[in-house]
Structures are given as C-alpha cells and as structure tokens.
C-alpha cells in the first residue's frame, strides 16, 4: 500500500459495519476499498458517518494520525459511543467514523492510511503495506497471532484469528454486498480485513 497521496487529491471511500464475534474481546466492523471520488469530495459508506465537525457529542481530545500532519478529534456521544472527525492540517475535513456498543470497532482508509476507533474512544492509525489477498494464512504484526482467511464468495471473506496454540480468538467477516471492511482489536493488536481478502494489522504503542 502506497503512502498518502497528495493532500486533497483523492479521498477513498470508507466504510464500517459490524461483523460476527466469537470472543468477548472482539467486536469487528466491515467495509471495502473503492475508487476515489471526485476531487475535493468526502465520500463515505460508513454505517454512521458525518463529514463535518459539528455532529454533537462532548469533545475528548485531538490525536495526530500516521501521516504526521492530519488529526482526528474525538467526541463522546454516549456510553460506549465515540466519534472521530478527521481533518487535514489546513482544517479541511476528510470524514468521520463512529464506534458504538453494537459496532465496537470501526476503521476507515484514507489513501492507504488506516484509521481505527473503538467504542472506548481508543484510536490508532498506520499505513497499510502490500500484503497477500484472497484465501491465505499469515502471522500478524504482533508476531504471534495468526489469521486464517477463507473465501466464501465474491468479495466475501472470513478471517479467523488464532493464537500460537491454535485457540480461536475471534472471527471477522466482510461481504462486498453489504459489509466492506472488518476491524477488531485483541489486546494492543488492531486488525482490519478487506473485501479482497487482505489483512492489515498494527500494534498500538
């Protein structure tokens, strides 16, 4: 995955939706990569999304994201409900994501920069690197969690997270018809599944 494209040139479609969880520690969401919209547009397929900063809630903090200049402003909307509003360094918004008790983990993709949010208000961001697509097995960023990705249909994948002992930690699922990106967090490890079967992960410091 390439670095962030020139600012304001394109903003990729972002999405978030809840996926099945097999362990209490997991609560994924889903969405997919898509073509960038017209110049200057803010395109989003989030289940709950706002492209402006005045969506309500109580301001919590501002977090600088992985490109080193953009930020997300975190708002508490209610119990287990947080919103992250994204802004370039000139103040232009690039959209929002919301995590709720029903959708505890959400993720967005801004030209290869992944931004994640939890229903506890936790935020992480990183640049996704090129990685395998389709059905495959790989070890994630923490060096110990393994993801087993199987194909269920066109743009329809399931990812099972297991530890070194083979114990299932949880399951994420994406479907290009409805659920475009799945995200979750296991300890300090964030994991995002896309509709091409690729998985990106990051260990929060």
N, C-alpha and C. Protein backbone atom coordinates (compact mmCIF):
# COMPACT_ATOMS: atom_id res chain seq x y z
N UNK A 1 0.86 -1.18 0.00
CA UNK A 1 0.00 0.00 0.00
C UNK A 1 0.89 1.23 0.00
N UNK A 2 0.61 2.13 -0.88
CA UNK A 2 1.45 3.31 -1.01
C UNK A 2 1.16 4.32 0.08
N UNK A 3 2.04 5.28 0.22
CA UNK A 3 1.86 6.34 1.20
C UNK A 3 0.72 7.24 0.79
N UNK A 4 0.35 8.12 1.66
CA UNK A 4 -0.77 9.02 1.44
C UNK A 4 -0.56 9.84 0.18
N UNK A 5 -1.54 9.87 -0.70
CA UNK A 5 -1.45 10.61 -1.95
C UNK A 5 -1.46 12.10 -1.65
N UNK A 6 -1.07 12.94 -2.64
CA UNK A 6 -1.08 14.39 -2.41
C UNK A 6 -2.39 14.83 -1.79
N UNK A 7 -2.28 15.69 -0.77
CA UNK A 7 -3.43 16.11 0.02
C UNK A 7 -4.53 16.69 -0.85
N UNK A 8 -5.75 16.26 -0.55
CA UNK A 8 -6.98 16.75 -1.17
C UNK A 8 -7.18 16.26 -2.59
N UNK A 9 -6.25 15.45 -3.12
CA UNK A 9 -6.43 14.99 -4.49
C UNK A 9 -7.53 13.95 -4.56
N UNK A 10 -7.45 12.98 -3.66
CA UNK A 10 -8.49 11.96 -3.60
C UNK A 10 -8.72 11.54 -2.17
N UNK A 11 -9.93 11.15 -1.89
CA UNK A 11 -10.25 10.58 -0.59
C UNK A 11 -11.00 9.29 -0.84
N UNK A 12 -10.43 8.17 -0.44
CA UNK A 12 -11.04 6.88 -0.72
C UNK A 12 -12.32 6.71 0.07
N UNK A 13 -13.21 5.91 -0.50
CA UNK A 13 -14.44 5.58 0.19
C UNK A 13 -14.11 4.82 1.46
N UNK A 14 -14.78 5.18 2.55
CA UNK A 14 -14.57 4.48 3.81
C UNK A 14 -15.84 3.81 4.24
N UNK A 15 -15.70 2.80 5.06
CA UNK A 15 -16.90 2.08 5.46
C UNK A 15 -16.72 1.43 6.80
N UNK A 16 -17.85 1.20 7.50
CA UNK A 16 -17.78 0.48 8.76
C UNK A 16 -19.08 -0.25 8.99
N UNK A 17 -19.00 -1.49 9.43
CA UNK A 17 -20.20 -2.25 9.75
C UNK A 17 -19.80 -3.36 10.70
N UNK A 18 -20.72 -3.83 11.48
CA UNK A 18 -20.38 -4.84 12.48
C UNK A 18 -20.28 -6.22 11.85
N UNK A 19 -19.35 -7.05 12.31
CA UNK A 19 -19.22 -8.43 11.86
C UNK A 19 -19.29 -9.34 13.07
N UNK A 20 -19.49 -10.64 12.83
CA UNK A 20 -19.68 -11.59 13.92
C UNK A 20 -18.42 -11.69 14.77
N UNK A 21 -18.62 -11.95 16.08
CA UNK A 21 -17.52 -12.06 17.01
C UNK A 21 -17.66 -13.38 17.76
N UNK A 22 -16.57 -14.09 17.91
CA UNK A 22 -16.64 -15.35 18.62
C UNK A 22 -15.99 -15.29 19.99
N UNK A 23 -15.43 -14.14 20.33
CA UNK A 23 -14.85 -13.99 21.67
C UNK A 23 -15.22 -12.63 22.20
N UNK A 24 -15.33 -12.53 23.52
CA UNK A 24 -15.79 -11.28 24.12
C UNK A 24 -14.83 -10.13 23.87
N UNK A 25 -13.55 -10.45 23.60
CA UNK A 25 -12.58 -9.38 23.42
C UNK A 25 -12.67 -8.75 22.04
N UNK A 26 -13.47 -9.35 21.12
CA UNK A 26 -13.51 -8.86 19.76
C UNK A 26 -14.85 -8.21 19.45
N UNK A 27 -14.81 -7.20 18.55
CA UNK A 27 -16.03 -6.58 18.10
C UNK A 27 -15.81 -5.91 16.78
N UNK A 28 -15.71 -6.69 15.65
CA UNK A 28 -15.32 -6.12 14.38
C UNK A 28 -16.41 -5.38 13.64
N UNK A 29 -15.96 -4.64 12.62
CA UNK A 29 -16.84 -3.95 11.71
C UNK A 29 -16.34 -4.23 10.31
N UNK A 30 -17.09 -3.84 9.27
CA UNK A 30 -16.62 -4.18 7.94
C UNK A 30 -16.85 -3.08 6.93
N UNK A 31 -16.09 -3.13 5.82
CA UNK A 31 -16.15 -2.19 4.74
C UNK A 31 -15.17 -2.54 3.65
N UNK A 32 -15.07 -1.79 2.53
CA UNK A 32 -14.20 -2.19 1.42
C UNK A 32 -13.47 -1.04 0.78
N UNK A 33 -12.33 -1.35 0.11
CA UNK A 33 -11.68 -0.37 -0.73
C UNK A 33 -12.62 -0.04 -1.88
N UNK A 34 -12.55 1.19 -2.35
CA UNK A 34 -13.34 1.57 -3.51
C UNK A 34 -12.62 2.68 -4.24
N UNK A 35 -13.06 2.96 -5.45
CA UNK A 35 -12.44 4.03 -6.22
C UNK A 35 -12.61 5.35 -5.51
N UNK A 36 -11.64 6.24 -5.69
CA UNK A 36 -11.71 7.56 -5.07
C UNK A 36 -12.78 8.40 -5.74
N UNK A 37 -13.44 9.28 -4.98
CA UNK A 37 -14.45 10.16 -5.55
C UNK A 37 -13.81 11.34 -6.26
N UNK A 38 -14.65 12.23 -6.73
CA UNK A 38 -14.17 13.41 -7.43
C UNK A 38 -13.32 14.28 -6.52
N UNK A 39 -12.47 15.09 -7.11
CA UNK A 39 -11.56 15.95 -6.37
C UNK A 39 -12.31 16.77 -5.33
N UNK A 40 -11.74 16.73 -4.10
CA UNK A 40 -12.29 17.56 -3.04
C UNK A 40 -13.50 16.98 -2.35
N UNK A 41 -14.01 15.83 -2.83
CA UNK A 41 -15.22 15.27 -2.25
C UNK A 41 -14.89 14.46 -1.01
N UNK A 42 -15.86 14.30 -0.15
CA UNK A 42 -15.74 13.42 1.00
C UNK A 42 -16.76 12.32 0.78
N UNK A 43 -16.28 11.13 0.39
CA UNK A 43 -17.19 10.03 0.11
C UNK A 43 -17.13 9.05 1.26
N UNK A 44 -18.27 8.52 1.66
CA UNK A 44 -18.27 7.59 2.78
C UNK A 44 -19.42 6.64 2.69
N UNK A 45 -19.15 5.39 3.10
CA UNK A 45 -20.20 4.40 3.20
C UNK A 45 -20.29 3.89 4.62
N UNK A 46 -19.85 4.70 5.56
CA UNK A 46 -19.95 4.30 6.96
C UNK A 46 -21.40 4.11 7.35
N UNK A 47 -21.60 3.15 8.27
CA UNK A 47 -22.94 2.95 8.81
C UNK A 47 -23.44 4.23 9.46
N UNK A 48 -22.56 4.87 10.23
CA UNK A 48 -22.87 6.17 10.82
C UNK A 48 -21.69 7.08 10.51
N UNK A 49 -21.91 8.13 9.77
CA UNK A 49 -20.78 8.97 9.35
C UNK A 49 -21.22 10.41 9.19
N UNK A 50 -20.31 11.31 9.48
CA UNK A 50 -20.54 12.72 9.24
C UNK A 50 -19.28 13.30 8.65
N UNK A 51 -19.42 14.22 7.73
CA UNK A 51 -18.26 14.84 7.12
C UNK A 51 -17.96 16.20 7.70
N UNK A 52 -18.62 16.56 8.77
CA UNK A 52 -18.39 17.86 9.37
C UNK A 52 -18.06 17.68 10.85
N UNK A 53 -17.59 18.73 11.47
CA UNK A 53 -17.14 18.63 12.86
C UNK A 53 -18.23 18.93 13.87
N UNK A 54 -19.43 19.29 13.40
CA UNK A 54 -20.46 19.73 14.34
C UNK A 54 -21.51 18.65 14.55
N UNK A 55 -21.09 17.40 14.67
CA UNK A 55 -22.03 16.29 14.81
C UNK A 55 -22.48 16.05 16.23
N UNK A 56 -22.15 16.95 17.14
CA UNK A 56 -22.58 16.80 18.52
C UNK A 56 -21.59 16.01 19.34
N UNK A 57 -21.99 15.70 20.57
CA UNK A 57 -21.12 14.96 21.47
C UNK A 57 -20.23 15.88 22.30
N UNK A 58 -19.51 15.28 23.22
CA UNK A 58 -18.61 16.01 24.11
C UNK A 58 -17.17 15.82 23.66
N UNK A 59 -16.49 16.90 23.37
CA UNK A 59 -15.10 16.82 22.91
C UNK A 59 -14.23 16.16 23.97
N UNK A 60 -13.37 15.22 23.53
CA UNK A 60 -12.48 14.50 24.44
C UNK A 60 -11.03 14.89 24.23
N UNK A 61 -10.53 14.76 23.00
CA UNK A 61 -9.13 15.08 22.73
C UNK A 61 -8.90 15.09 21.22
N UNK A 62 -7.72 15.57 20.84
CA UNK A 62 -7.29 15.56 19.44
C UNK A 62 -6.07 14.68 19.32
N UNK A 63 -6.05 13.81 18.31
CA UNK A 63 -4.97 12.86 18.11
C UNK A 63 -4.37 13.06 16.72
N UNK A 64 -3.05 13.20 16.66
CA UNK A 64 -2.37 13.28 15.36
C UNK A 64 -2.27 11.87 14.79
N UNK A 65 -2.54 11.73 13.47
CA UNK A 65 -2.54 10.40 12.87
C UNK A 65 -1.24 10.15 12.09
N UNK A 66 -1.19 9.01 11.40
CA UNK A 66 0.07 8.46 10.92
C UNK A 66 0.81 9.32 9.90
N UNK A 67 0.11 10.18 9.16
CA UNK A 67 0.82 11.00 8.17
C UNK A 67 1.59 12.14 8.81
N UNK A 68 1.41 12.34 10.11
CA UNK A 68 2.19 13.33 10.84
C UNK A 68 1.63 14.73 10.84
N UNK A 69 0.59 14.97 10.05
CA UNK A 69 0.03 16.32 9.98
C UNK A 69 -1.48 16.35 10.18
N UNK A 70 -2.18 15.33 9.69
CA UNK A 70 -3.63 15.26 9.87
C UNK A 70 -3.96 14.86 11.31
N UNK A 71 -5.18 15.17 11.74
CA UNK A 71 -5.61 14.84 13.09
C UNK A 71 -7.03 14.28 13.07
N UNK A 72 -7.38 13.58 14.14
CA UNK A 72 -8.77 13.25 14.39
C UNK A 72 -9.15 13.84 15.73
N UNK A 73 -10.34 14.43 15.78
CA UNK A 73 -10.88 14.97 17.02
C UNK A 73 -11.90 13.97 17.54
N UNK A 74 -11.74 13.56 18.79
CA UNK A 74 -12.56 12.51 19.38
C UNK A 74 -13.68 13.14 20.21
N UNK A 75 -14.90 12.65 20.00
CA UNK A 75 -16.08 13.12 20.74
C UNK A 75 -16.77 11.92 21.39
N UNK A 76 -17.20 12.10 22.63
CA UNK A 76 -18.00 11.07 23.30
C UNK A 76 -19.47 11.39 23.05
N UNK A 77 -20.15 10.44 22.41
CA UNK A 77 -21.54 10.64 22.04
C UNK A 77 -22.50 10.08 23.09
N UNK A 78 -21.98 9.16 23.90
CA UNK A 78 -22.80 8.50 24.91
C UNK A 78 -22.04 7.30 25.43
N UNK A 79 -22.65 6.48 26.29
CA UNK A 79 -21.97 5.29 26.84
C UNK A 79 -21.52 4.35 25.72
N UNK A 80 -20.24 4.07 25.65
CA UNK A 80 -19.73 3.16 24.62
C UNK A 80 -19.91 3.66 23.22
N UNK A 81 -19.99 4.98 23.03
CA UNK A 81 -20.27 5.55 21.72
C UNK A 81 -19.35 6.75 21.50
N UNK A 82 -18.41 6.61 20.56
CA UNK A 82 -17.45 7.67 20.25
C UNK A 82 -17.43 7.96 18.76
N UNK A 83 -17.13 9.20 18.44
CA UNK A 83 -16.96 9.62 17.05
C UNK A 83 -15.58 10.23 16.87
N UNK A 84 -14.94 9.95 15.73
CA UNK A 84 -13.67 10.56 15.38
C UNK A 84 -13.85 11.36 14.10
N UNK A 85 -13.65 12.68 14.15
CA UNK A 85 -13.74 13.56 12.99
C UNK A 85 -12.33 13.82 12.48
N UNK A 86 -12.09 13.55 11.19
CA UNK A 86 -10.76 13.71 10.63
C UNK A 86 -10.57 15.03 9.92
N UNK A 87 -9.36 15.62 10.07
CA UNK A 87 -9.05 16.90 9.44
C UNK A 87 -7.62 16.91 8.92
N UNK A 88 -7.45 17.46 7.70
CA UNK A 88 -6.11 17.74 7.19
C UNK A 88 -5.54 18.92 7.98
N UNK A 89 -4.24 19.21 7.78
CA UNK A 89 -3.60 20.27 8.56
C UNK A 89 -4.12 21.66 8.24
N UNK A 90 -4.84 21.81 7.10
CA UNK A 90 -5.43 23.11 6.78
C UNK A 90 -6.86 23.24 7.29
N UNK A 91 -7.31 22.22 8.03
CA UNK A 91 -8.65 22.27 8.62
C UNK A 91 -9.74 21.62 7.79
N UNK A 92 -9.43 21.18 6.57
CA UNK A 92 -10.45 20.54 5.74
C UNK A 92 -10.77 19.16 6.28
N UNK A 93 -12.06 18.84 6.39
CA UNK A 93 -12.48 17.55 6.92
C UNK A 93 -12.32 16.45 5.87
N UNK A 94 -11.93 15.25 6.32
CA UNK A 94 -11.95 14.11 5.42
C UNK A 94 -12.91 13.02 5.90
N UNK A 95 -13.85 13.39 6.76
CA UNK A 95 -14.90 12.46 7.16
C UNK A 95 -14.79 12.01 8.60
N UNK A 96 -15.72 11.16 9.00
CA UNK A 96 -15.82 10.71 10.39
C UNK A 96 -16.15 9.23 10.46
N UNK A 97 -15.81 8.63 11.58
CA UNK A 97 -16.23 7.27 11.88
C UNK A 97 -16.80 7.24 13.30
N UNK A 98 -17.70 6.30 13.54
CA UNK A 98 -18.31 6.18 14.86
C UNK A 98 -18.26 4.74 15.33
N UNK A 99 -17.89 4.55 16.58
CA UNK A 99 -17.90 3.24 17.22
C UNK A 99 -18.98 3.24 18.28
N UNK A 100 -19.77 2.19 18.32
CA UNK A 100 -20.92 2.09 19.22
C UNK A 100 -20.89 0.75 19.94
N UNK A 101 -21.74 0.55 20.95
CA UNK A 101 -21.80 -0.77 21.59
C UNK A 101 -22.11 -1.88 20.58
N UNK A 102 -22.92 -1.57 19.58
CA UNK A 102 -23.25 -2.57 18.56
C UNK A 102 -22.13 -2.77 17.56
N UNK A 103 -21.30 -1.74 17.37
CA UNK A 103 -20.17 -1.78 16.44
C UNK A 103 -18.94 -1.27 17.18
N UNK A 104 -18.33 -2.09 18.02
CA UNK A 104 -17.28 -1.61 18.93
C UNK A 104 -15.99 -1.16 18.26
N UNK A 105 -15.73 -1.63 17.04
CA UNK A 105 -14.51 -1.26 16.33
C UNK A 105 -14.84 -0.88 14.90
N UNK A 106 -14.34 0.28 14.48
CA UNK A 106 -14.55 0.74 13.11
C UNK A 106 -13.23 1.17 12.52
N UNK A 107 -13.17 1.18 11.19
CA UNK A 107 -11.93 1.56 10.51
C UNK A 107 -12.26 2.31 9.23
N UNK A 108 -11.40 3.27 8.89
CA UNK A 108 -11.50 3.98 7.64
C UNK A 108 -10.17 3.91 6.92
N UNK A 109 -10.19 4.16 5.62
CA UNK A 109 -8.98 4.10 4.80
C UNK A 109 -8.88 5.38 4.00
N UNK A 110 -7.87 6.19 4.30
CA UNK A 110 -7.64 7.44 3.58
C UNK A 110 -6.39 7.27 2.72
N UNK A 111 -6.60 6.82 1.47
CA UNK A 111 -5.48 6.63 0.54
C UNK A 111 -4.36 5.77 1.12
N UNK A 112 -4.75 4.70 1.80
CA UNK A 112 -3.77 3.77 2.35
C UNK A 112 -3.44 4.01 3.80
N UNK A 113 -3.87 5.12 4.37
CA UNK A 113 -3.69 5.36 5.79
C UNK A 113 -4.92 4.84 6.53
N UNK A 114 -4.72 3.82 7.35
CA UNK A 114 -5.80 3.22 8.11
C UNK A 114 -5.99 3.97 9.41
N UNK A 115 -7.23 4.31 9.73
CA UNK A 115 -7.56 4.95 11.00
C UNK A 115 -8.63 4.10 11.67
N UNK A 116 -8.39 3.72 12.92
CA UNK A 116 -9.34 2.88 13.64
C UNK A 116 -9.81 3.58 14.91
N UNK A 117 -11.00 3.20 15.35
CA UNK A 117 -11.61 3.79 16.55
C UNK A 117 -12.36 2.69 17.27
N UNK A 118 -12.30 2.71 18.61
CA UNK A 118 -13.07 1.75 19.41
C UNK A 118 -14.18 2.45 20.17
N UNK A 119 -15.10 1.67 20.71
CA UNK A 119 -16.21 2.22 21.49
C UNK A 119 -15.76 2.69 22.87
N UNK A 120 -14.45 2.56 23.15
CA UNK A 120 -13.87 3.14 24.37
C UNK A 120 -13.14 4.45 24.06
N UNK A 121 -13.17 4.86 22.79
CA UNK A 121 -12.50 6.09 22.39
C UNK A 121 -11.05 5.89 22.01
N UNK A 122 -10.59 4.65 21.91
CA UNK A 122 -9.21 4.37 21.51
C UNK A 122 -9.04 4.63 20.01
N UNK A 123 -7.89 5.18 19.64
CA UNK A 123 -7.61 5.49 18.23
C UNK A 123 -6.24 4.95 17.87
N UNK A 124 -6.11 4.39 16.67
CA UNK A 124 -4.81 4.00 16.13
C UNK A 124 -4.80 4.32 14.64
N UNK A 125 -3.62 4.55 14.09
CA UNK A 125 -3.51 4.79 12.65
C UNK A 125 -2.16 4.30 12.16
N UNK A 126 -2.13 3.85 10.93
CA UNK A 126 -0.90 3.36 10.32
C UNK A 126 -1.09 3.30 8.81
N UNK A 127 0.03 3.16 8.09
CA UNK A 127 -0.03 2.99 6.64
C UNK A 127 0.00 1.50 6.34
N UNK A 128 -0.99 1.04 5.59
CA UNK A 128 -1.06 -0.37 5.21
C UNK A 128 0.00 -0.67 4.16
N UNK A 129 0.67 -1.79 4.32
CA UNK A 129 1.67 -2.23 3.35
C UNK A 129 1.06 -3.27 2.43
N UNK A 130 1.72 -3.51 1.29
CA UNK A 130 1.26 -4.55 0.38
C UNK A 130 1.23 -5.88 1.14
N UNK A 131 0.15 -6.64 0.96
CA UNK A 131 0.03 -7.89 1.67
C UNK A 131 -0.78 -8.88 0.84
N UNK A 132 -0.78 -10.17 1.22
CA UNK A 132 -1.49 -11.18 0.43
C UNK A 132 -2.98 -10.89 0.34
N UNK A 133 -3.57 -11.31 -0.77
CA UNK A 133 -5.01 -11.20 -0.93
C UNK A 133 -5.57 -12.61 -1.13
N UNK A 134 -6.89 -12.70 -1.12
CA UNK A 134 -7.52 -14.00 -1.31
C UNK A 134 -7.32 -14.91 -0.11
N UNK A 135 -7.70 -16.17 -0.26
CA UNK A 135 -7.55 -17.12 0.85
C UNK A 135 -6.07 -17.31 1.20
N UNK A 136 -5.72 -17.19 2.46
CA UNK A 136 -4.34 -17.36 2.88
C UNK A 136 -4.26 -17.40 4.39
N UNK A 137 -3.07 -17.71 4.88
CA UNK A 137 -2.77 -17.68 6.31
C UNK A 137 -1.53 -16.83 6.51
N UNK A 138 -1.54 -15.95 7.50
CA UNK A 138 -0.36 -15.14 7.77
C UNK A 138 -0.27 -14.79 9.25
N UNK A 139 0.94 -14.48 9.68
CA UNK A 139 1.17 -14.02 11.04
C UNK A 139 1.06 -12.51 11.08
N UNK A 140 0.38 -11.99 12.08
CA UNK A 140 0.09 -10.57 12.15
C UNK A 140 1.21 -9.79 12.83
N UNK A 141 1.00 -8.49 12.98
CA UNK A 141 2.06 -7.57 13.39
C UNK A 141 2.65 -7.85 14.77
N UNK A 142 1.91 -8.53 15.63
CA UNK A 142 2.44 -8.82 16.97
C UNK A 142 3.37 -10.03 16.96
N UNK A 143 3.48 -10.72 15.82
CA UNK A 143 4.39 -11.85 15.70
C UNK A 143 3.89 -13.14 16.29
N UNK A 144 2.67 -13.16 16.82
CA UNK A 144 2.17 -14.38 17.45
C UNK A 144 0.74 -14.72 17.06
N UNK A 145 -0.06 -13.73 16.70
CA UNK A 145 -1.43 -14.00 16.27
C UNK A 145 -1.44 -14.37 14.79
N UNK A 146 -2.15 -15.42 14.46
CA UNK A 146 -2.24 -15.89 13.07
C UNK A 146 -3.66 -15.67 12.57
N UNK A 147 -3.79 -15.21 11.33
CA UNK A 147 -5.10 -15.06 10.72
C UNK A 147 -5.23 -16.06 9.58
N UNK A 148 -6.36 -16.74 9.56
CA UNK A 148 -6.67 -17.70 8.51
C UNK A 148 -7.85 -17.15 7.72
N UNK A 149 -7.59 -16.78 6.47
CA UNK A 149 -8.61 -16.14 5.63
C UNK A 149 -9.16 -17.15 4.64
N UNK A 150 -10.48 -17.30 4.62
CA UNK A 150 -11.14 -18.19 3.66
C UNK A 150 -12.12 -17.39 2.81
N UNK A 151 -12.31 -17.83 1.57
CA UNK A 151 -13.21 -17.14 0.65
C UNK A 151 -14.57 -17.82 0.68
N UNK A 152 -15.62 -17.01 0.87
CA UNK A 152 -16.98 -17.53 0.92
C UNK A 152 -17.77 -17.19 -0.33
N UNK A 153 -17.24 -16.29 -1.15
CA UNK A 153 -17.93 -15.85 -2.36
C UNK A 153 -17.23 -14.62 -2.90
N UNK A 154 -17.83 -13.98 -3.91
CA UNK A 154 -17.24 -12.80 -4.49
C UNK A 154 -17.18 -11.67 -3.47
N UNK A 155 -15.97 -11.19 -3.17
CA UNK A 155 -15.73 -10.15 -2.17
C UNK A 155 -16.30 -10.52 -0.80
N UNK A 156 -16.36 -11.80 -0.54
CA UNK A 156 -16.92 -12.29 0.72
C UNK A 156 -15.88 -13.20 1.39
N UNK A 157 -15.30 -12.70 2.47
CA UNK A 157 -14.22 -13.41 3.15
C UNK A 157 -14.48 -13.50 4.64
N UNK A 158 -13.96 -14.58 5.23
CA UNK A 158 -13.98 -14.74 6.67
C UNK A 158 -12.55 -14.87 7.16
N UNK A 159 -12.23 -14.18 8.24
CA UNK A 159 -10.89 -14.25 8.83
C UNK A 159 -11.01 -14.74 10.26
N UNK A 160 -10.34 -15.83 10.56
CA UNK A 160 -10.34 -16.39 11.91
C UNK A 160 -8.99 -16.08 12.55
N UNK A 161 -9.02 -15.45 13.71
CA UNK A 161 -7.79 -15.13 14.44
C UNK A 161 -7.52 -16.22 15.46
N UNK A 162 -6.29 -16.75 15.44
CA UNK A 162 -5.93 -17.80 16.39
C UNK A 162 -4.59 -17.47 17.03
N UNK A 163 -4.37 -17.99 18.24
CA UNK A 163 -3.08 -17.80 18.88
C UNK A 163 -2.14 -18.94 18.48
N UNK A 164 -0.91 -18.94 19.00
CA UNK A 164 0.08 -19.94 18.60
C UNK A 164 -0.35 -21.35 18.99
N UNK A 165 -1.20 -21.45 19.99
CA UNK A 165 -1.69 -22.75 20.41
C UNK A 165 -2.88 -23.23 19.61
N UNK A 166 -3.32 -22.41 18.66
CA UNK A 166 -4.46 -22.78 17.84
C UNK A 166 -5.80 -22.37 18.42
N UNK A 167 -5.80 -21.68 19.54
CA UNK A 167 -7.07 -21.25 20.15
C UNK A 167 -7.67 -20.10 19.37
N UNK A 168 -8.93 -20.21 19.03
CA UNK A 168 -9.62 -19.17 18.27
C UNK A 168 -9.86 -17.95 19.15
N UNK A 169 -9.41 -16.80 18.66
CA UNK A 169 -9.60 -15.54 19.38
C UNK A 169 -10.83 -14.79 18.89
N UNK A 170 -11.20 -15.02 17.65
CA UNK A 170 -12.37 -14.33 17.12
C UNK A 170 -12.47 -14.49 15.62
N UNK A 171 -13.58 -14.05 15.07
CA UNK A 171 -13.84 -14.17 13.65
C UNK A 171 -14.34 -12.85 13.10
N UNK A 172 -13.82 -12.46 11.95
CA UNK A 172 -14.30 -11.28 11.24
C UNK A 172 -14.82 -11.72 9.87
N UNK A 173 -15.77 -10.98 9.34
CA UNK A 173 -16.32 -11.33 8.02
C UNK A 173 -16.65 -10.07 7.24
N UNK A 174 -16.33 -10.09 5.95
CA UNK A 174 -16.67 -8.98 5.06
C UNK A 174 -17.47 -9.53 3.89
N UNK A 175 -18.32 -8.68 3.35
CA UNK A 175 -19.16 -9.05 2.21
C UNK A 175 -19.31 -7.81 1.35
N UNK A 176 -18.83 -7.87 0.11
CA UNK A 176 -18.90 -6.71 -0.77
C UNK A 176 -20.28 -6.19 -1.03
N UNK A 177 -21.29 -7.00 -0.74
CA UNK A 177 -22.67 -6.56 -0.94
C UNK A 177 -23.14 -5.64 0.18
N UNK A 178 -22.55 -5.78 1.36
CA UNK A 178 -23.06 -5.00 2.50
C UNK A 178 -21.98 -4.57 3.48
N UNK A 179 -21.05 -5.44 3.77
CA UNK A 179 -20.04 -5.15 4.78
C UNK A 179 -18.68 -5.07 4.11
N UNK A 180 -18.09 -3.88 4.11
CA UNK A 180 -16.93 -3.62 3.27
C UNK A 180 -15.59 -3.70 3.97
N UNK A 181 -15.55 -3.55 5.25
CA UNK A 181 -14.28 -3.60 5.98
C UNK A 181 -14.57 -4.10 7.40
N UNK A 182 -13.77 -5.01 7.90
CA UNK A 182 -13.95 -5.52 9.26
C UNK A 182 -12.74 -5.14 10.08
N UNK A 183 -12.96 -4.64 11.27
CA UNK A 183 -11.85 -4.25 12.15
C UNK A 183 -12.09 -4.78 13.55
N UNK A 184 -11.01 -5.06 14.25
CA UNK A 184 -11.13 -5.51 15.63
C UNK A 184 -9.83 -5.21 16.36
N UNK A 185 -9.83 -5.48 17.65
CA UNK A 185 -8.65 -5.24 18.48
C UNK A 185 -8.53 -6.38 19.50
N UNK A 186 -7.35 -6.97 19.56
CA UNK A 186 -7.05 -8.03 20.53
C UNK A 186 -5.86 -7.55 21.35
N UNK A 187 -6.09 -7.16 22.59
CA UNK A 187 -5.02 -6.56 23.37
C UNK A 187 -4.59 -5.25 22.72
N UNK A 188 -3.32 -5.16 22.36
CA UNK A 188 -2.83 -3.95 21.69
C UNK A 188 -2.80 -4.11 20.17
N UNK A 189 -3.25 -5.26 19.67
CA UNK A 189 -3.20 -5.55 18.24
C UNK A 189 -4.50 -5.16 17.55
N UNK A 190 -4.40 -4.24 16.58
CA UNK A 190 -5.53 -3.89 15.73
C UNK A 190 -5.45 -4.70 14.45
N UNK A 191 -6.60 -5.16 13.94
CA UNK A 191 -6.65 -5.97 12.73
C UNK A 191 -7.78 -5.47 11.84
N UNK A 192 -7.50 -5.34 10.54
CA UNK A 192 -8.51 -4.89 9.58
C UNK A 192 -8.53 -5.86 8.40
N UNK A 193 -9.71 -6.33 8.04
CA UNK A 193 -9.93 -7.23 6.91
C UNK A 193 -10.65 -6.49 5.80
N UNK A 194 -10.20 -6.70 4.55
CA UNK A 194 -10.80 -6.03 3.40
C UNK A 194 -11.49 -7.05 2.48
N UNK A 195 -12.28 -6.56 1.53
CA UNK A 195 -13.04 -7.46 0.66
C UNK A 195 -12.21 -8.10 -0.45
N UNK A 196 -10.91 -7.84 -0.52
CA UNK A 196 -10.05 -8.62 -1.41
C UNK A 196 -9.36 -9.74 -0.64
N UNK A 197 -9.72 -9.90 0.63
CA UNK A 197 -9.13 -10.94 1.46
C UNK A 197 -7.85 -10.51 2.16
N UNK A 198 -7.40 -9.28 1.91
CA UNK A 198 -6.17 -8.81 2.54
C UNK A 198 -6.44 -8.40 3.98
N UNK A 199 -5.39 -8.50 4.79
CA UNK A 199 -5.46 -8.14 6.21
C UNK A 199 -4.31 -7.21 6.52
N UNK A 200 -4.59 -6.13 7.20
CA UNK A 200 -3.54 -5.25 7.71
C UNK A 200 -3.66 -5.20 9.21
N UNK A 201 -2.52 -5.11 9.90
CA UNK A 201 -2.55 -5.11 11.36
C UNK A 201 -1.49 -4.19 11.90
N UNK A 202 -1.67 -3.83 13.17
CA UNK A 202 -0.80 -2.83 13.78
C UNK A 202 -0.82 -3.01 15.29
N UNK A 203 0.34 -2.92 15.90
CA UNK A 203 0.42 -3.00 17.37
C UNK A 203 0.51 -1.58 17.93
N UNK A 204 -0.51 -1.18 18.66
CA UNK A 204 -0.53 0.15 19.25
C UNK A 204 0.49 0.24 20.38
N UNK A 205 1.23 1.33 20.42
CA UNK A 205 2.27 1.53 21.46
C UNK A 205 1.71 2.25 22.67
